[in-house]
Amino acid sequence: MALQLARHFRTEIVSADSRQFFREMNIGTAKPSPSELAEIKHHLVNSLSIHDEYNAGRFETDALECIIKIFSKSDYAILCGGSGLYVDIVCRGSDTLPASNPDIRSNLNTLFREQGLEALQTKLRQLDPEFFHQVDLNNPHRLIRAIEVCLLTGSKYSALRTAKRNTRPFDIMKIGLEDERPEVYARIDRRVDSMMHHHLLDEAKMLYEYRHLNALQAVGYTELFSFIEGKISLDEAIAQIRQHTRNYAKRQWTWFRKDKEIKWFRPGNAAGVIAHIESLTKQSGH
């Protein structure tokens, strides 16, 4: 859909996918194909190494810089991706929170790797029971960030978050794609099968020695790392990738459904999306 809109409006795409940033992760992140990247300029795809430290605050700065550059030559810019926090931070701005601390982040990643999600949940409940009841408890990245802020500041993460948001010097039109859940799940299964056919296991083997890095705490990689370590069979790893991707899709659905500014369309209805955007543009007068 983003490609179709970019062609129609003669513009470029900014990625808001928190794993497509990394050059070393290709198959498991379902990046645009080389031909798609050659046809339409994509910003923030392959822009980082898995060894680079990166966070939402830096993404906000980088994405806004890209968007302003696009607006110097086009009336439209397209932000595309399923990482809800990253989409939100571009549209609404970020809270004023401390930068990530490599030592604390490394210790928390080790805790997650060795003791699992429940250990992070327990630690956050001790440090900030209010945010514990708000956060997606199945999202280790959000849990780790909240714990990190608590440890860095000595304050509760929930107390440091602010309702203050930044206004943006551009209009924002939010488009979501939805389909029947069985079709979404069938599409997930087909995508996992395609990734395995295109040698996702070989990519995971090449990245295995870096499995401790935050970038690689991602669906599609962690399951294959468990297979490589002999903890589960390959069939079990593939089944887990499918299930964990479905779980992630449910969390995406929950996140984006809370945003009443999103206009929902069926996949493939590019004509309807284009008509909607052009109608809103006409109403705004610019």
Protein backbone atom coordinates (compact mmCIF):
# COMPACT_ATOMS: atom_id res chain seq x y z
CA MET A 1 0.00 0.00 0.00
CA ALA A 2 2.79 2.42 0.88
CA LEU A 3 4.44 1.74 -2.47
CA GLN A 4 1.21 2.39 -4.34
CA LEU A 5 0.67 5.66 -2.47
CA ALA A 6 4.27 6.73 -3.05
CA ARG A 7 3.88 6.12 -6.78
CA HIS A 8 0.62 8.04 -6.96
CA PHE A 9 1.74 11.03 -4.89
CA ARG A 10 5.31 10.94 -6.25
CA THR A 11 6.92 10.87 -2.87
CA GLU A 12 9.15 8.77 -0.59
CA ILE A 13 8.69 6.42 2.35
CA VAL A 14 10.05 6.65 5.90
CA SER A 15 10.18 3.31 7.73
CA ALA A 16 8.67 3.04 11.20
CA ASP A 17 9.59 -0.63 11.52
CA SER A 18 11.93 -1.01 14.49
CA ARG A 19 13.80 -3.97 12.95
CA GLN A 20 14.14 -2.91 9.31
CA PHE A 21 16.68 -0.30 10.43
CA PHE A 22 19.34 -2.99 10.80
CA ARG A 23 21.49 -3.91 7.81
CA GLU A 24 22.31 -7.42 9.05
CA MET A 25 18.65 -8.42 9.50
CA ASN A 26 17.03 -8.91 6.11
CA ILE A 27 14.95 -12.05 5.70
CA GLY A 28 13.45 -12.10 9.19
CA THR A 29 12.34 -8.45 9.02
CA ALA A 30 10.52 -8.77 5.67
CA LYS A 31 12.24 -5.70 4.26
CA PRO A 32 11.17 -4.23 0.93
CA SER A 33 12.83 -6.06 -1.93
CA PRO A 34 15.90 -4.59 -3.67
CA SER A 35 13.73 -3.69 -6.66
CA GLU A 36 11.22 -1.89 -4.42
CA LEU A 37 14.00 -0.01 -2.66
CA ALA A 38 15.41 0.96 -6.06
CA GLU A 39 12.03 2.17 -7.36
CA ILE A 40 10.91 4.22 -4.34
CA LYS A 41 13.37 5.82 -1.93
CA HIS A 42 12.99 4.38 1.57
CA HIS A 43 14.47 6.27 4.50
CA LEU A 44 15.74 4.51 7.65
CA VAL A 45 15.87 1.06 6.05
CA ASN A 46 19.36 -0.46 6.40
CA SER A 47 20.43 2.70 8.21
CA LEU A 48 21.99 1.01 11.26
CA SER A 49 24.07 -1.93 12.36
CA ILE A 50 22.84 -4.34 15.02
CA HIS A 51 25.81 -3.11 17.08
CA ASP A 52 24.52 0.48 17.14
CA GLU A 53 22.65 1.84 20.15
CA TYR A 54 19.28 3.22 19.09
CA ASN A 55 16.09 4.31 20.80
CA ALA A 56 12.77 6.00 20.15
CA GLY A 57 14.16 9.45 20.92
CA ARG A 58 16.82 9.14 18.25
CA PHE A 59 14.23 7.77 15.84
CA GLU A 60 12.05 10.83 16.39
CA THR A 61 14.93 13.11 15.42
CA ASP A 62 15.97 11.02 12.42
CA ALA A 63 12.45 10.51 11.09
CA LEU A 64 11.49 14.18 11.37
CA GLU A 65 14.68 15.16 9.55
CA CYS A 66 13.80 12.78 6.72
CA ILE A 67 10.22 14.01 6.56
CA ILE A 68 11.25 17.66 6.34
CA LYS A 69 13.64 16.80 3.48
CA ILE A 70 10.84 15.00 1.64
CA PHE A 71 8.55 18.01 2.07
CA SER A 72 11.15 20.19 0.35
CA LYS A 73 10.28 18.40 -2.90
CA SER A 74 6.84 16.83 -2.38
CA ASP A 75 3.51 17.74 -0.79
CA TYR A 76 3.30 14.30 0.85
CA ALA A 77 5.55 12.04 2.89
CA ILE A 78 4.66 8.47 3.87
CA LEU A 79 5.49 6.95 7.25
CA CYS A 80 4.98 3.19 7.10
CA GLY A 81 5.44 0.45 9.66
CA GLY A 82 3.89 -1.48 12.49
CA SER A 83 5.94 -0.29 15.47
CA GLY A 84 3.23 1.66 17.27
CA LEU A 85 5.53 3.56 19.60
CA TYR A 86 7.62 4.78 16.67
CA VAL A 87 4.58 5.91 14.71
CA ASP A 88 3.22 7.69 17.76
CA ILE A 89 6.46 9.46 18.54
CA VAL A 90 6.62 10.99 15.04
CA CYS A 91 2.99 12.09 15.13
CA ARG A 92 2.82 13.33 18.72
CA GLY A 93 6.33 13.73 20.10
CA SER A 94 8.18 12.04 22.92
CA ASP A 95 8.35 12.32 26.66
CA THR A 96 11.47 13.84 28.22
CA LEU A 97 13.21 10.76 29.55
CA PRO A 98 16.89 9.89 30.07
CA ALA A 99 18.93 8.27 27.32
CA SER A 100 19.57 4.54 27.45
CA ASN A 101 22.39 3.31 29.67
CA PRO A 102 24.43 0.52 28.00
CA ASP A 103 25.34 -1.23 31.28
CA ILE A 104 21.81 -1.25 32.67
CA ARG A 105 20.37 -2.28 29.31
CA SER A 106 22.90 -5.13 29.02
CA ASN A 107 22.07 -6.39 32.53
CA LEU A 108 18.34 -6.32 31.82
CA ASN A 109 18.79 -8.12 28.51
CA THR A 110 20.78 -10.79 30.35
CA LEU A 111 18.01 -11.08 32.94
CA PHE A 112 15.45 -11.52 30.14
CA ARG A 113 17.59 -14.05 28.30
CA GLU A 114 18.34 -16.15 31.39
CA GLN A 115 15.11 -15.87 33.40
CA GLY A 116 12.51 -14.89 30.84
CA LEU A 117 9.67 -12.41 30.60
CA GLU A 118 8.32 -13.12 34.08
CA ALA A 119 11.52 -11.82 35.70
CA LEU A 120 11.11 -8.48 33.92
CA GLN A 121 7.45 -8.31 34.90
CA THR A 122 8.30 -8.96 38.56
CA LYS A 123 11.00 -6.29 38.58
CA LEU A 124 8.74 -3.67 37.00
CA ARG A 125 5.93 -4.48 39.43
CA GLN A 126 8.33 -3.80 42.30
CA LEU A 127 9.63 -0.53 40.85
CA ASP A 128 6.47 0.92 39.33
CA PRO A 129 3.20 -0.92 40.07
CA GLU A 130 1.17 1.80 38.33
CA PHE A 131 2.91 1.36 34.97
CA PHE A 132 2.90 -2.42 35.48
CA HIS A 133 -0.89 -2.31 35.14
CA GLN A 134 -0.72 -0.15 31.98
CA VAL A 135 2.09 -1.63 29.90
CA ASP A 136 1.87 -4.53 27.45
CA LEU A 137 3.33 -7.21 29.72
CA ASN A 138 4.28 -9.36 26.73
CA ASN A 139 6.54 -6.68 25.24
CA PRO A 140 10.05 -7.14 26.70
CA HIS A 141 11.36 -3.95 25.06
CA ARG A 142 8.78 -1.77 26.81
CA LEU A 143 9.38 -3.56 30.11
CA ILE A 144 13.15 -3.15 29.85
CA ARG A 145 12.88 0.55 28.98
CA ALA A 146 10.53 1.27 31.89
CA ILE A 147 12.78 -0.59 34.35
CA GLU A 148 15.84 1.19 32.95
CA VAL A 149 14.27 4.63 33.48
CA CYS A 150 13.30 3.70 37.05
CA LEU A 151 16.85 2.58 37.84
CA LEU A 152 18.44 5.61 36.17
CA THR A 153 16.26 8.23 37.84
CA GLY A 154 15.17 6.63 41.09
CA SER A 155 11.64 7.64 40.15
CA LYS A 156 8.67 5.77 38.76
CA TYR A 157 8.45 5.64 34.98
CA SER A 158 4.74 6.40 35.21
CA ALA A 159 5.46 9.62 37.14
CA LEU A 160 7.99 10.81 34.55
CA ARG A 161 5.77 10.34 31.55
CA THR A 162 4.04 13.52 30.50
CA ALA A 163 0.90 14.33 28.60
CA LYS A 164 2.66 17.24 26.94
CA ARG A 165 3.08 16.62 23.23
CA ASN A 166 4.73 18.52 20.42
CA THR A 167 2.79 20.03 17.57
CA ARG A 168 4.07 19.18 14.12
CA PRO A 169 4.47 21.59 11.18
CA PHE A 170 2.48 19.30 8.90
CA ASP A 171 -0.97 17.71 8.70
CA ILE A 172 -1.22 14.03 9.60
CA MET A 173 -3.55 11.52 7.94
CA LYS A 174 -3.57 8.08 9.55
CA ILE A 175 -4.38 5.02 7.46
CA GLY A 176 -4.77 1.50 8.84
CA LEU A 177 -5.24 -1.78 7.02
CA GLU A 178 -7.49 -4.47 8.48
CA ASP A 179 -8.71 -7.87 7.37
CA GLU A 180 -10.57 -10.82 8.81
CA ARG A 181 -8.48 -12.48 11.49
CA PRO A 182 -8.32 -15.91 9.77
CA GLU A 183 -6.90 -14.22 6.66
CA VAL A 184 -4.36 -12.28 8.72
CA TYR A 185 -3.23 -15.52 10.36
CA ALA A 186 -3.08 -17.32 7.00
CA ARG A 187 -0.96 -14.46 5.63
CA ILE A 188 1.36 -14.74 8.64
CA ASP A 189 1.79 -18.48 8.01
CA ARG A 190 2.56 -17.87 4.33
CA ARG A 191 5.10 -15.20 5.22
CA VAL A 192 6.87 -17.46 7.74
CA ASP A 193 7.00 -20.26 5.14
CA SER A 194 8.42 -17.82 2.60
CA MET A 195 11.08 -16.61 5.05
CA MET A 196 12.18 -20.17 5.76
CA HIS A 197 12.26 -20.91 2.02
CA HIS A 198 14.49 -17.86 1.55
CA HIS A 199 17.00 -19.16 4.13
CA LEU A 200 15.99 -17.43 7.36
CA LEU A 201 17.71 -20.25 9.25
CA ASP A 202 21.01 -19.47 7.51
CA GLU A 203 20.61 -15.79 8.43
CA ALA A 204 19.93 -16.74 12.06
CA LYS A 205 23.05 -18.94 12.10
CA MET A 206 25.17 -16.03 10.83
CA LEU A 207 23.78 -13.77 13.55
CA TYR A 208 23.82 -16.34 16.36
CA GLU A 209 27.00 -15.06 18.02
CA TYR A 210 25.31 -11.66 18.42
CA ARG A 211 22.09 -13.09 19.89
CA HIS A 212 22.59 -11.08 23.10
CA LEU A 213 22.15 -7.76 21.28
CA ASN A 214 18.88 -5.91 21.76
CA ALA A 215 18.23 -5.76 18.02
CA LEU A 216 18.06 -9.55 17.86
CA GLN A 217 15.49 -9.94 20.62
CA ALA A 218 12.93 -10.31 17.86
CA VAL A 219 10.37 -12.83 16.65
CA GLY A 220 11.85 -15.07 13.99
CA TYR A 221 15.34 -14.98 15.42
CA THR A 222 14.99 -15.94 19.09
CA GLU A 223 13.05 -19.09 18.16
CA LEU A 224 15.71 -20.20 15.67
CA PHE A 225 18.42 -19.45 18.21
CA SER A 226 16.68 -21.94 20.51
CA PHE A 227 16.78 -24.51 17.69
CA ILE A 228 20.46 -23.83 17.06
CA GLU A 229 21.10 -24.43 20.78
CA GLY A 230 19.29 -27.77 20.59
CA LYS A 231 16.48 -26.71 22.92
CA ILE A 232 13.68 -27.33 20.39
CA SER A 233 13.25 -28.97 16.99
CA LEU A 234 13.13 -26.96 13.77
CA ASP A 235 9.42 -27.74 13.36
CA GLU A 236 8.81 -26.44 16.90
CA ALA A 237 10.79 -23.28 16.14
CA ILE A 238 8.74 -22.60 13.00
CA ALA A 239 5.50 -23.21 14.89
CA GLN A 240 6.64 -20.78 17.59
CA ILE A 241 7.52 -18.12 15.00
CA ARG A 242 4.01 -18.39 13.58
CA GLN A 243 2.38 -18.22 17.03
CA HIS A 244 4.56 -15.40 18.32
CA THR A 245 3.91 -13.40 15.15
CA ARG A 246 0.18 -13.88 15.68
CA ASN A 247 0.60 -12.68 19.27
CA TYR A 248 2.47 -9.62 18.03
CA ALA A 249 -0.26 -8.93 15.46
CA LYS A 250 -2.84 -9.01 18.27
CA ARG A 251 -0.80 -6.47 20.25
CA GLN A 252 -0.53 -4.26 17.17
CA TRP A 253 -4.28 -4.50 16.73
CA THR A 254 -4.86 -3.48 20.37
CA TRP A 255 -2.42 -0.55 20.11
CA PHE A 256 -3.72 0.93 16.87
CA ARG A 257 -7.40 0.37 17.68
CA LYS A 258 -7.02 2.86 20.53
CA ASP A 259 -6.16 5.62 18.01
CA LYS A 260 -9.47 7.08 16.87
CA GLU A 261 -7.72 9.18 14.21
CA ILE A 262 -6.99 6.12 12.08
CA LYS A 263 -9.20 5.51 9.06
CA TRP A 264 -9.39 1.78 8.32
CA PHE A 265 -9.33 0.17 4.88
CA ARG A 266 -9.12 -3.32 3.47
CA PRO A 267 -5.77 -4.42 2.00
CA GLY A 268 -5.63 -3.78 -1.72
CA ASN A 269 -8.03 -0.83 -1.67
CA ALA A 270 -5.45 1.71 -2.81
CA ALA A 271 -8.06 3.63 -4.79
CA GLY A 272 -10.14 4.16 -1.67
CA VAL A 273 -7.14 5.30 0.34
CA ILE A 274 -6.05 7.73 -2.38
CA ALA A 275 -9.57 9.17 -2.62
CA HIS A 276 -9.68 9.59 1.16
CA ILE A 277 -6.32 11.38 1.27
CA GLU A 278 -7.22 13.69 -1.62
CA SER A 279 -10.55 14.50 0.05
CA LEU A 280 -8.85 15.44 3.32
CA THR A 281 -6.28 17.49 1.43
CA LYS A 282 -9.05 19.41 -0.31
CA GLN A 283 -10.82 20.04 3.00
CA SER A 284 -7.67 21.36 4.64
CA GLY A 285 -7.01 23.71 1.75
CA HIS A 286 -3.31 22.81 1.51
